């Protein structure tokens, strides 16, 4: 936090924060186009776009700069499998 004469004048957030998904839409069957995304609500109430393989109860990492999911933070095995499916289906 940043103070001026004992008053809080600002806060400094980390670049990324981990959140649990509280609800998400069902993936549309057959929607395997490259980069297929769906809406998900995180524990703060913010709605973010996530890949279709992410489900309720999972934790994601969200950028505090733009409120978007950080794809690079996803489990690399899951990401590799997802990309494999998209390429060969």
C-alpha atoms as a PDB file:
ATOM      1  CA  UNK A   1       0.000   0.000   0.000  1.00  0.00           C
ATOM      2  CA  UNK A   2       1.036   3.561  -0.574  1.00  0.00           C
ATOM      3  CA  UNK A   3       0.426   6.092   2.169  1.00  0.00           C
ATOM      4  CA  UNK A   4       0.394   9.876   2.464  1.00  0.00           C
ATOM      5  CA  UNK A   5       0.100  11.274   6.006  1.00  0.00           C
ATOM      6  CA  UNK A   6      -1.273   7.912   7.231  1.00  0.00           C
ATOM      7  CA  UNK A   7      -3.965   7.909   4.501  1.00  0.00           C
ATOM      8  CA  UNK A   8      -3.988   5.112   1.940  1.00  0.00           C
ATOM      9  CA  UNK A   9      -3.545   6.639  -1.500  1.00  0.00           C
ATOM     10  CA  UNK A  10      -2.917   3.511  -3.543  1.00  0.00           C
ATOM     11  CA  UNK A  11      -2.232  -0.188  -3.584  1.00  0.00           C
ATOM     12  CA  UNK A  12       0.194  -2.252  -5.586  1.00  0.00           C
ATOM     13  CA  UNK A  13      -1.219  -5.542  -6.861  1.00  0.00           C
ATOM     14  CA  UNK A  14       0.819  -8.544  -7.929  1.00  0.00           C
ATOM     15  CA  UNK A  15       0.982  -9.180 -11.698  1.00  0.00           C
ATOM     16  CA  UNK A  16      -1.077 -12.379 -11.423  1.00  0.00           C
ATOM     17  CA  UNK A  17      -3.467 -13.849  -8.835  1.00  0.00           C
ATOM     18  CA  UNK A  18      -4.833 -17.391  -8.519  1.00  0.00           C
ATOM     19  CA  UNK A  19      -8.636 -17.743  -8.319  1.00  0.00           C
ATOM     20  CA  UNK A  20     -11.057 -20.669  -8.106  1.00  0.00           C
ATOM     21  CA  UNK A  21     -13.788 -20.957 -10.735  1.00  0.00           C
ATOM     22  CA  UNK A  22     -17.209 -20.901  -9.054  1.00  0.00           C
ATOM     23  CA  UNK A  23     -19.324 -21.476 -12.157  1.00  0.00           C
ATOM     24  CA  UNK A  24     -18.828 -22.026 -15.857  1.00  0.00           C
ATOM     25  CA  UNK A  25     -20.850 -22.691 -18.978  1.00  0.00           C
ATOM     26  CA  UNK A  26     -20.975 -26.161 -20.476  1.00  0.00           C
ATOM     27  CA  UNK A  27     -18.729 -26.623 -23.487  1.00  0.00           C
ATOM     28  CA  UNK A  28     -20.672 -26.834 -26.735  1.00  0.00           C
ATOM     29  CA  UNK A  29     -20.303 -30.317 -28.225  1.00  0.00           C
ATOM     30  CA  UNK A  30     -18.322 -30.183 -31.435  1.00  0.00           C
ATOM     31  CA  UNK A  31     -16.912 -26.731 -30.687  1.00  0.00           C
ATOM     32  CA  UNK A  32     -13.251 -27.630 -31.140  1.00  0.00           C
ATOM     33  CA  UNK A  33     -12.189 -24.744 -33.315  1.00  0.00           C
ATOM     34  CA  UNK A  34      -8.802 -23.245 -32.524  1.00  0.00           C
ATOM     35  CA  UNK A  35      -8.953 -21.147 -29.386  1.00  0.00           C
ATOM     36  CA  UNK A  36     -12.495 -22.147 -28.385  1.00  0.00           C
ATOM     37  CA  UNK A  37     -13.403 -20.250 -25.220  1.00  0.00           C
ATOM     38  CA  UNK A  38     -16.333 -20.073 -22.807  1.00  0.00           C
ATOM     39  CA  UNK A  39     -17.385 -17.813 -19.921  1.00  0.00           C
ATOM     40  CA  UNK A  40     -16.425 -18.656 -16.340  1.00  0.00           C
ATOM     41  CA  UNK A  41     -17.096 -16.795 -13.089  1.00  0.00           C
ATOM     42  CA  UNK A  42     -14.283 -16.651 -10.519  1.00  0.00           C
ATOM     43  CA  UNK A  43     -14.722 -16.307  -6.746  1.00  0.00           C
ATOM     44  CA  UNK A  44     -14.669 -12.484  -6.910  1.00  0.00           C
ATOM     45  CA  UNK A  45     -17.631 -12.458  -9.307  1.00  0.00           C
ATOM     46  CA  UNK A  46     -15.551 -11.445 -12.333  1.00  0.00           C
ATOM     47  CA  UNK A  47     -16.472 -13.216 -15.584  1.00  0.00           C
ATOM     48  CA  UNK A  48     -13.465 -14.306 -17.628  1.00  0.00           C
ATOM     49  CA  UNK A  49     -12.992 -16.246 -20.858  1.00  0.00           C
ATOM     50  CA  UNK A  50     -11.372 -19.662 -20.364  1.00  0.00           C
ATOM     51  CA  UNK A  51     -10.545 -22.565 -22.703  1.00  0.00           C
ATOM     52  CA  UNK A  52     -13.404 -25.053 -23.075  1.00  0.00           C
ATOM     53  CA  UNK A  53     -11.595 -27.793 -21.122  1.00  0.00           C
ATOM     54  CA  UNK A  54     -11.527 -25.749 -17.869  1.00  0.00           C
ATOM     55  CA  UNK A  55     -14.308 -26.743 -15.451  1.00  0.00           C
ATOM     56  CA  UNK A  56     -15.913 -25.517 -12.238  1.00  0.00           C
ATOM     57  CA  UNK A  57     -13.758 -25.850  -9.117  1.00  0.00           C
ATOM     58  CA  UNK A  58     -10.429 -25.551 -10.953  1.00  0.00           C
ATOM     59  CA  UNK A  59      -7.966 -22.799 -10.162  1.00  0.00           C
ATOM     60  CA  UNK A  60      -6.779 -20.403 -12.829  1.00  0.00           C
ATOM     61  CA  UNK A  61      -4.305 -17.540 -12.788  1.00  0.00           C
ATOM     62  CA  UNK A  62      -5.661 -14.151 -13.836  1.00  0.00           C
ATOM     63  CA  UNK A  63      -3.655 -11.100 -14.860  1.00  0.00           C
ATOM     64  CA  UNK A  64      -4.418  -8.097 -12.631  1.00  0.00           C
ATOM     65  CA  UNK A  65      -3.482  -5.800 -15.504  1.00  0.00           C
ATOM     66  CA  UNK A  66      -6.251  -6.805 -17.920  1.00  0.00           C
ATOM     67  CA  UNK A  67      -8.371  -9.420 -16.064  1.00  0.00           C
ATOM     68  CA  UNK A  68      -7.602 -12.156 -18.592  1.00  0.00           C
ATOM     69  CA  UNK A  69      -6.571 -15.732 -17.887  1.00  0.00           C
ATOM     70  CA  UNK A  70      -2.853 -16.407 -18.185  1.00  0.00           C
ATOM     71  CA  UNK A  71      -2.717 -19.347 -20.610  1.00  0.00           C
ATOM     72  CA  UNK A  72       0.986 -19.871 -19.914  1.00  0.00           C
ATOM     73  CA  UNK A  73       0.163 -20.724 -16.298  1.00  0.00           C
ATOM     74  CA  UNK A  74      -2.027 -23.692 -17.211  1.00  0.00           C
ATOM     75  CA  UNK A  75      -0.729 -27.200 -16.677  1.00  0.00           C
ATOM     76  CA  UNK A  76       1.519 -27.799 -19.698  1.00  0.00           C
ATOM     77  CA  UNK A  77       0.365 -31.397 -20.129  1.00  0.00           C
ATOM     78  CA  UNK A  78      -3.255 -30.276 -20.381  1.00  0.00           C
ATOM     79  CA  UNK A  79      -2.322 -27.452 -22.741  1.00  0.00           C
ATOM     80  CA  UNK A  80      -0.322 -29.845 -24.949  1.00  0.00           C
ATOM     81  CA  UNK A  81      -3.239 -32.309 -25.051  1.00  0.00           C
ATOM     82  CA  UNK A  82      -5.656 -29.499 -25.905  1.00  0.00           C
ATOM     83  CA  UNK A  83      -3.455 -28.272 -28.757  1.00  0.00           C
ATOM     84  CA  UNK A  84      -3.006 -31.849 -30.028  1.00  0.00           C
ATOM     85  CA  UNK A  85      -6.787 -32.329 -30.144  1.00  0.00           C
ATOM     86  CA  UNK A  86      -7.302 -29.039 -31.983  1.00  0.00           C
ATOM     87  CA  UNK A  87      -4.692 -29.881 -34.608  1.00  0.00           C
ATOM     88  CA  UNK A  88      -5.744 -33.464 -35.348  1.00  0.00           C
ATOM     89  CA  UNK A  89      -9.530 -33.277 -35.106  1.00  0.00           C
END
